[in-house]
Amino acid sequence: MKQRRGRKSPPFSREQRLAVVHGILCFVLILAVLQLWLLTATMNAWLGGDYGVIWPAAIVSILCFGLNLGLLRYLYRMEG
């Protein structure tokens, strides 16, 4: 069924919102563990004298942070 312009879709039910929030929390947990692993691997490489991994690791970490911010914005929009 197509939605007409100007009409809002009905809000999510409580069960649907809870499922979405649980899915987002699982994804955030995976990203947090990835960032911790990335920090550990980068520090290990840096202390070992390998300076070539610092900037790629920083870029990936910033991307993970951006994904987490995007998910947080989605949750706030879902509530409103």
PDB file of N, CA and C in Angstrom:
ATOM      1  N   MET A   1       0.842  -1.169   0.000  1.00  0.00           N
ATOM      2  CA  MET A   1       0.000   0.000   0.000  1.00  0.00           C
ATOM      3  C   MET A   1       0.894   1.242   0.000  1.00  0.00           C
ATOM      4  N   LYS A   2       0.668   2.131  -0.939  1.00  0.00           N
ATOM      5  CA  LYS A   2       1.463   3.356  -1.018  1.00  0.00           C
ATOM      6  C   LYS A   2       0.896   4.407  -0.080  1.00  0.00           C
ATOM      7  N   GLN A   3       1.800   5.193   0.424  1.00  0.00           N
ATOM      8  CA  GLN A   3       1.421   6.246   1.340  1.00  0.00           C
ATOM      9  C   GLN A   3       1.225   7.543   0.568  1.00  0.00           C
ATOM     10  N   ARG A   4       0.171   8.255   0.884  1.00  0.00           N
ATOM     11  CA  ARG A   4      -0.087   9.527   0.221  1.00  0.00           C
ATOM     12  C   ARG A   4       0.703  10.631   0.893  1.00  0.00           C
ATOM     13  N   ARG A   5       1.002  11.648   0.099  1.00  0.00           N
ATOM     14  CA  ARG A   5       1.748  12.782   0.641  1.00  0.00           C
ATOM     15  C   ARG A   5       0.917  13.500   1.684  1.00  0.00           C
ATOM     16  N   GLY A   6       1.622  13.977   2.718  1.00  0.00           N
ATOM     17  CA  GLY A   6       0.953  14.750   3.747  1.00  0.00           C
ATOM     18  C   GLY A   6       0.408  13.898   4.875  1.00  0.00           C
ATOM     19  N   ARG A   7       0.307  12.603   4.672  1.00  0.00           N
ATOM     20  CA  ARG A   7      -0.188  11.733   5.727  1.00  0.00           C
ATOM     21  C   ARG A   7       0.978  11.044   6.407  1.00  0.00           C
ATOM     22  N   LYS A   8       0.881  10.995   7.711  1.00  0.00           N
ATOM     23  CA  LYS A   8       1.908  10.293   8.463  1.00  0.00           C
ATOM     24  C   LYS A   8       1.504   8.829   8.591  1.00  0.00           C
ATOM     25  N   SER A   9       2.514   7.976   8.572  1.00  0.00           N
ATOM     26  CA  SER A   9       2.220   6.578   8.801  1.00  0.00           C
ATOM     27  C   SER A   9       1.887   6.394  10.282  1.00  0.00           C
ATOM     28  N   PRO A  10       1.119   5.389  10.598  1.00  0.00           N
ATOM     29  CA  PRO A  10       0.797   5.189  12.009  1.00  0.00           C
ATOM     30  C   PRO A  10       2.068   4.906  12.805  1.00  0.00           C
ATOM     31  N   PRO A  11       2.113   5.364  14.048  1.00  0.00           N
ATOM     32  CA  PRO A  11       3.324   5.148  14.838  1.00  0.00           C
ATOM     33  C   PRO A  11       3.557   3.661  15.080  1.00  0.00           C
ATOM     34  N   PHE A  12       4.809   3.343  15.340  1.00  0.00           N
ATOM     35  CA  PHE A  12       5.142   1.957  15.633  1.00  0.00           C
ATOM     36  C   PHE A  12       4.463   1.518  16.925  1.00  0.00           C
ATOM     37  N   SER A  13       4.117   0.251  16.995  1.00  0.00           N
ATOM     38  CA  SER A  13       3.605  -0.270  18.255  1.00  0.00           C
ATOM     39  C   SER A  13       4.777  -0.432  19.218  1.00  0.00           C
ATOM     40  N   ARG A  14       4.453  -0.664  20.466  1.00  0.00           N
ATOM     41  CA  ARG A  14       5.500  -0.790  21.478  1.00  0.00           C
ATOM     42  C   ARG A  14       6.409  -1.980  21.175  1.00  0.00           C
ATOM     43  N   GLU A  15       5.847  -3.081  20.734  1.00  0.00           N
ATOM     44  CA  GLU A  15       6.633  -4.273  20.424  1.00  0.00           C
ATOM     45  C   GLU A  15       7.564  -4.022  19.242  1.00  0.00           C
ATOM     46  N   GLN A  16       7.079  -3.285  18.243  1.00  0.00           N
ATOM     47  CA  GLN A  16       7.909  -2.977  17.079  1.00  0.00           C
ATOM     48  C   GLN A  16       9.072  -2.062  17.460  1.00  0.00           C
ATOM     49  N   ARG A  17       8.790  -1.057  18.273  1.00  0.00           N
ATOM     50  CA  ARG A  17       9.857  -0.157  18.721  1.00  0.00           C
ATOM     51  C   ARG A  17      10.891  -0.897  19.547  1.00  0.00           C
ATOM     52  N   LEU A  18      10.426  -1.796  20.403  1.00  0.00           N
ATOM     53  CA  LEU A  18      11.339  -2.566  21.237  1.00  0.00           C
ATOM     54  C   LEU A  18      12.235  -3.456  20.388  1.00  0.00           C
ATOM     55  N   ALA A  19      11.689  -4.056  19.346  1.00  0.00           N
ATOM     56  CA  ALA A  19      12.501  -4.887  18.452  1.00  0.00           C
ATOM     57  C   ALA A  19      13.550  -4.053  17.731  1.00  0.00           C
ATOM     58  N   VAL A  20      13.167  -2.863  17.274  1.00  0.00           N
ATOM     59  CA  VAL A  20      14.113  -1.980  16.590  1.00  0.00           C
ATOM     60  C   VAL A  20      15.213  -1.529  17.551  1.00  0.00           C
ATOM     61  N   VAL A  21      14.834  -1.168  18.763  1.00  0.00           N
ATOM     62  CA  VAL A  21      15.820  -0.714  19.753  1.00  0.00           C
ATOM     63  C   VAL A  21      16.787  -1.845  20.097  1.00  0.00           C
ATOM     64  N   HIS A  22      16.285  -3.054  20.253  1.00  0.00           N
ATOM     65  CA  HIS A  22      17.177  -4.185  20.543  1.00  0.00           C
ATOM     66  C   HIS A  22      18.140  -4.440  19.386  1.00  0.00           C
ATOM     67  N   GLY A  23      17.653  -4.352  18.176  1.00  0.00           N
ATOM     68  CA  GLY A  23      18.529  -4.524  17.018  1.00  0.00           C
ATOM     69  C   GLY A  23      19.606  -3.458  16.951  1.00  0.00           C
ATOM     70  N   ILE A  24      19.224  -2.222  17.212  1.00  0.00           N
ATOM     71  CA  ILE A  24      20.190  -1.124  17.192  1.00  0.00           C
ATOM     72  C   ILE A  24      21.210  -1.292  18.317  1.00  0.00           C
ATOM     73  N   LEU A  25      20.758  -1.709  19.491  1.00  0.00           N
ATOM     74  CA  LEU A  25      21.693  -1.925  20.601  1.00  0.00           C
ATOM     75  C   LEU A  25      22.698  -3.035  20.287  1.00  0.00           C
ATOM     76  N   CYS A  26      22.251  -4.081  19.630  1.00  0.00           N
ATOM     77  CA  CYS A  26      23.185  -5.148  19.228  1.00  0.00           C
ATOM     78  C   CYS A  26      24.221  -4.612  18.245  1.00  0.00           C
ATOM     79  N   PHE A  27      23.774  -3.806  17.294  1.00  0.00           N
ATOM     80  CA  PHE A  27      24.691  -3.239  16.320  1.00  0.00           C
ATOM     81  C   PHE A  27      25.679  -2.282  16.985  1.00  0.00           C
ATOM     82  N   VAL A  28      25.206  -1.476  17.940  1.00  0.00           N
ATOM     83  CA  VAL A  28      26.085  -0.555  18.669  1.00  0.00           C
ATOM     84  C   VAL A  28      27.100  -1.338  19.488  1.00  0.00           C
ATOM     85  N   LEU A  29      26.688  -2.452  20.092  1.00  0.00           N
ATOM     86  CA  LEU A  29      27.619  -3.281  20.849  1.00  0.00           C
ATOM     87  C   LEU A  29      28.715  -3.846  19.953  1.00  0.00           C
ATOM     88  N   ILE A  30      28.340  -4.301  18.767  1.00  0.00           N
ATOM     89  CA  ILE A  30      29.329  -4.814  17.818  1.00  0.00           C
ATOM     90  C   ILE A  30      30.301  -3.709  17.410  1.00  0.00           C
ATOM     91  N   LEU A  31      29.780  -2.513  17.145  1.00  0.00           N
ATOM     92  CA  LEU A  31      30.657  -1.400  16.771  1.00  0.00           C
ATOM     93  C   LEU A  31      31.586  -0.989  17.911  1.00  0.00           C
ATOM     94  N   ALA A  32      31.086  -1.027  19.151  1.00  0.00           N
ATOM     95  CA  ALA A  32      31.930  -0.665  20.299  1.00  0.00           C
ATOM     96  C   ALA A  32      33.057  -1.681  20.483  1.00  0.00           C
ATOM     97  N   VAL A  33      32.731  -2.956  20.339  1.00  0.00           N
ATOM     98  CA  VAL A  33      33.771  -3.987  20.455  1.00  0.00           C
ATOM     99  C   VAL A  33      34.781  -3.827  19.313  1.00  0.00           C
ATOM    100  N   LEU A  34      34.298  -3.512  18.116  1.00  0.00           N
ATOM    101  CA  LEU A  34      35.201  -3.279  16.984  1.00  0.00           C
ATOM    102  C   LEU A  34      36.139  -2.114  17.271  1.00  0.00           C
ATOM    103  N   GLN A  35      35.618  -1.045  17.840  1.00  0.00           N
ATOM    104  CA  GLN A  35      36.467   0.102  18.140  1.00  0.00           C
ATOM    105  C   GLN A  35      37.490  -0.219  19.223  1.00  0.00           C
ATOM    106  N   LEU A  36      37.099  -0.997  20.220  1.00  0.00           N
ATOM    107  CA  LEU A  36      38.063  -1.386  21.256  1.00  0.00           C
ATOM    108  C   LEU A  36      39.152  -2.271  20.679  1.00  0.00           C
ATOM    109  N   TRP A  37      38.775  -3.207  19.825  1.00  0.00           N
ATOM    110  CA  TRP A  37      39.773  -4.054  19.185  1.00  0.00           C
ATOM    111  C   TRP A  37      40.692  -3.210  18.299  1.00  0.00           C
ATOM    112  N   LEU A  38      40.109  -2.267  17.577  1.00  0.00           N
ATOM    113  CA  LEU A  38      40.889  -1.398  16.699  1.00  0.00           C
ATOM    114  C   LEU A  38      41.879  -0.551  17.498  1.00  0.00           C
ATOM    115  N   LEU A  39      41.441  -0.043  18.637  1.00  0.00           N
ATOM    116  CA  LEU A  39      42.335   0.726  19.487  1.00  0.00           C
ATOM    117  C   LEU A  39      43.484  -0.147  19.995  1.00  0.00           C
ATOM    118  N   THR A  40      43.165  -1.346  20.430  1.00  0.00           N
ATOM    119  CA  THR A  40      44.197  -2.260  20.940  1.00  0.00           C
ATOM    120  C   THR A  40      45.199  -2.620  19.847  1.00  0.00           C
ATOM    121  N   ALA A  41      44.695  -2.970  18.661  1.00  0.00           N
ATOM    122  CA  ALA A  41      45.587  -3.347  17.562  1.00  0.00           C
ATOM    123  C   ALA A  41      46.436  -2.160  17.106  1.00  0.00           C
ATOM    124  N   THR A  42      45.855  -0.979  17.093  1.00  0.00           N
ATOM    125  CA  THR A  42      46.593   0.207  16.673  1.00  0.00           C
ATOM    126  C   THR A  42      47.679   0.568  17.684  1.00  0.00           C
ATOM    127  N   MET A  43      47.352   0.502  18.963  1.00  0.00           N
ATOM    128  CA  MET A  43      48.361   0.792  19.985  1.00  0.00           C
ATOM    129  C   MET A  43      49.490  -0.231  19.940  1.00  0.00           C
ATOM    130  N   ASN A  44      49.151  -1.491  19.712  1.00  0.00           N
ATOM    131  CA  ASN A  44      50.169  -2.530  19.610  1.00  0.00           C
ATOM    132  C   ASN A  44      51.090  -2.267  18.420  1.00  0.00           C
ATOM    133  N   ALA A  45      50.498  -1.902  17.282  1.00  0.00           N
ATOM    134  CA  ALA A  45      51.311  -1.613  16.097  1.00  0.00           C
ATOM    135  C   ALA A  45      52.158  -0.360  16.310  1.00  0.00           C
ATOM    136  N   TRP A  46      51.585   0.662  16.906  1.00  0.00           N
ATOM    137  CA  TRP A  46      52.302   1.919  17.130  1.00  0.00           C
ATOM    138  C   TRP A  46      53.484   1.712  18.082  1.00  0.00           C
ATOM    139  N   LEU A  47      53.247   0.957  19.161  1.00  0.00           N
ATOM    140  CA  LEU A  47      54.336   0.678  20.101  1.00  0.00           C
ATOM    141  C   LEU A  47      55.401  -0.218  19.482  1.00  0.00           C
ATOM    142  N   GLY A  48      55.010  -0.987  18.460  1.00  0.00           N
ATOM    143  CA  GLY A  48      55.976  -1.823  17.755  1.00  0.00           C
ATOM    144  C   GLY A  48      56.719  -1.092  16.648  1.00  0.00           C
ATOM    145  N   GLY A  49      56.394   0.173  16.445  1.00  0.00           N
ATOM    146  CA  GLY A  49      57.096   0.967  15.449  1.00  0.00           C
ATOM    147  C   GLY A  49      56.430   1.035  14.092  1.00  0.00           C
ATOM    148  N   ASP A  50      55.242   0.486  13.944  1.00  0.00           N
ATOM    149  CA  ASP A  50      54.516   0.530  12.671  1.00  0.00           C
ATOM    150  C   ASP A  50      53.558   1.717  12.693  1.00  0.00           C
ATOM    151  N   TYR A  51      53.968   2.801  12.052  1.00  0.00           N
ATOM    152  CA  TYR A  51      53.177   4.030  12.098  1.00  0.00           C
ATOM    153  C   TYR A  51      52.204   4.150  10.924  1.00  0.00           C
ATOM    154  N   GLY A  52      52.237   3.191  10.034  1.00  0.00           N
ATOM    155  CA  GLY A  52      51.373   3.258   8.854  1.00  0.00           C
ATOM    156  C   GLY A  52      49.915   2.922   9.115  1.00  0.00           C
ATOM    157  N   VAL A  53      49.612   2.354  10.261  1.00  0.00           N
ATOM    158  CA  VAL A  53      48.229   1.953  10.536  1.00  0.00           C
ATOM    159  C   VAL A  53      47.452   3.003  11.327  1.00  0.00           C
ATOM    160  N   ILE A  54      48.121   4.047  11.745  1.00  0.00           N
ATOM    161  CA  ILE A  54      47.468   5.022  12.629  1.00  0.00           C
ATOM    162  C   ILE A  54      46.335   5.749  11.918  1.00  0.00           C
ATOM    163  N   TRP A  55      46.598   6.316  10.750  1.00  0.00           N
ATOM    164  CA  TRP A  55      45.561   7.095  10.057  1.00  0.00           C
ATOM    165  C   TRP A  55      44.420   6.228   9.521  1.00  0.00           C
ATOM    166  N   PRO A  56      44.676   5.073   8.921  1.00  0.00           N
ATOM    167  CA  PRO A  56      43.539   4.232   8.516  1.00  0.00           C
ATOM    168  C   PRO A  56      42.674   3.797   9.707  1.00  0.00           C
ATOM    169  N   ALA A  57      43.314   3.485  10.830  1.00  0.00           N
ATOM    170  CA  ALA A  57      42.552   3.093  12.016  1.00  0.00           C
ATOM    171  C   ALA A  57      41.729   4.264  12.546  1.00  0.00           C
ATOM    172  N   ALA A  58      42.297   5.461  12.493  1.00  0.00           N
ATOM    173  CA  ALA A  58      41.556   6.644  12.948  1.00  0.00           C
ATOM    174  C   ALA A  58      40.350   6.903  12.049  1.00  0.00           C
ATOM    175  N   ILE A  59      40.512   6.718  10.756  1.00  0.00           N
ATOM    176  CA  ILE A  59      39.396   6.929   9.820  1.00  0.00           C
ATOM    177  C   ILE A  59      38.282   5.918  10.068  1.00  0.00           C
ATOM    178  N   VAL A  60      38.649   4.662  10.261  1.00  0.00           N
ATOM    179  CA  VAL A  60      37.637   3.633  10.527  1.00  0.00           C
ATOM    180  C   VAL A  60      36.939   3.898  11.853  1.00  0.00           C
ATOM    181  N   SER A  61      37.686   4.340  12.846  1.00  0.00           N
ATOM    182  CA  SER A  61      37.086   4.651  14.136  1.00  0.00           C
ATOM    183  C   SER A  61      36.105   5.820  14.024  1.00  0.00           C
ATOM    184  N   ILE A  62      36.451   6.817  13.230  1.00  0.00           N
ATOM    185  CA  ILE A  62      35.541   7.951  13.014  1.00  0.00           C
ATOM    186  C   ILE A  62      34.287   7.490  12.273  1.00  0.00           C
ATOM    187  N   LEU A  63      34.435   6.571  11.330  1.00  0.00           N
ATOM    188  CA  LEU A  63      33.271   6.024  10.630  1.00  0.00           C
ATOM    189  C   LEU A  63      32.356   5.257  11.586  1.00  0.00           C
ATOM    190  N   CYS A  64      32.942   4.485  12.489  1.00  0.00           N
ATOM    191  CA  CYS A  64      32.130   3.773  13.487  1.00  0.00           C
ATOM    192  C   CYS A  64      31.390   4.756  14.385  1.00  0.00           C
ATOM    193  N   PHE A  65      32.075   5.818  14.777  1.00  0.00           N
ATOM    194  CA  PHE A  65      31.435   6.853  15.590  1.00  0.00           C
ATOM    195  C   PHE A  65      30.276   7.508  14.836  1.00  0.00           C
ATOM    196  N   GLY A  66      30.492   7.775  13.551  1.00  0.00           N
ATOM    197  CA  GLY A  66      29.424   8.352  12.731  1.00  0.00           C
ATOM    198  C   GLY A  66      28.223   7.423  12.599  1.00  0.00           C
ATOM    199  N   LEU A  67      28.487   6.137  12.459  1.00  0.00           N
ATOM    200  CA  LEU A  67      27.379   5.174  12.410  1.00  0.00           C
ATOM    201  C   LEU A  67      26.592   5.174  13.718  1.00  0.00           C
ATOM    202  N   ASN A  68      27.301   5.224  14.828  1.00  0.00           N
ATOM    203  CA  ASN A  68      26.615   5.273  16.117  1.00  0.00           C
ATOM    204  C   ASN A  68      25.789   6.547  16.263  1.00  0.00           C
ATOM    205  N   LEU A  69      26.311   7.670  15.808  1.00  0.00           N
ATOM    206  CA  LEU A  69      25.533   8.916  15.862  1.00  0.00           C
ATOM    207  C   LEU A  69      24.297   8.835  14.975  1.00  0.00           C
ATOM    208  N   GLY A  70      24.451   8.237  13.798  1.00  0.00           N
ATOM    209  CA  GLY A  70      23.307   8.066  12.914  1.00  0.00           C
ATOM    210  C   GLY A  70      22.226   7.190  13.534  1.00  0.00           C
ATOM    211  N   LEU A  71      22.634   6.136  14.203  1.00  0.00           N
ATOM    212  CA  LEU A  71      21.662   5.265  14.870  1.00  0.00           C
ATOM    213  C   LEU A  71      20.964   5.993  16.013  1.00  0.00           C
ATOM    214  N   LEU A  72      21.702   6.818  16.738  1.00  0.00           N
ATOM    215  CA  LEU A  72      21.103   7.601  17.816  1.00  0.00           C
ATOM    216  C   LEU A  72      20.088   8.600  17.262  1.00  0.00           C
ATOM    217  N   ARG A  73      20.431   9.258  16.157  1.00  0.00           N
ATOM    218  CA  ARG A  73      19.480  10.184  15.519  1.00  0.00           C
ATOM    219  C   ARG A  73      18.218   9.450  15.079  1.00  0.00           C
ATOM    220  N   TYR A  74      18.394   8.239  14.548  1.00  0.00           N
ATOM    221  CA  TYR A  74      17.237   7.453  14.127  1.00  0.00           C
ATOM    222  C   TYR A  74      16.331   7.143  15.319  1.00  0.00           C
ATOM    223  N   LEU A  75      16.936   6.798  16.452  1.00  0.00           N
ATOM    224  CA  LEU A  75      16.121   6.507  17.639  1.00  0.00           C
ATOM    225  C   LEU A  75      15.357   7.738  18.095  1.00  0.00           C
ATOM    226  N   TYR A  76      16.003   8.890  18.081  1.00  0.00           N
ATOM    227  CA  TYR A  76      15.305  10.118  18.492  1.00  0.00           C
ATOM    228  C   TYR A  76      14.164  10.465  17.530  1.00  0.00           C
ATOM    229  N   ARG A  77      14.379  10.256  16.223  1.00  0.00           N
ATOM    230  CA  ARG A  77      13.311  10.527  15.249  1.00  0.00           C
ATOM    231  C   ARG A  77      12.162   9.519  15.408  1.00  0.00           C
ATOM    232  N   MET A  78      12.492   8.300  15.785  1.00  0.00           N
ATOM    233  CA  MET A  78      11.467   7.274  15.946  1.00  0.00           C
ATOM    234  C   MET A  78      10.563   7.608  17.146  1.00  0.00           C
ATOM    235  N   GLU A  79      11.122   8.221  18.165  1.00  0.00           N
ATOM    236  CA  GLU A  79      10.349   8.575  19.348  1.00  0.00           C
ATOM    237  C   GLU A  79       9.404   9.743  19.087  1.00  0.00           C
ATOM    238  N   GLY A  80       9.842  10.658  18.228  1.00  0.00           N
ATOM    239  CA  GLY A  80       9.062  11.887  18.019  1.00  0.00           C
ATOM    240  C   GLY A  80       7.992  11.792  17.045  1.00  0.00           C
TER     241      GLY A  80
END
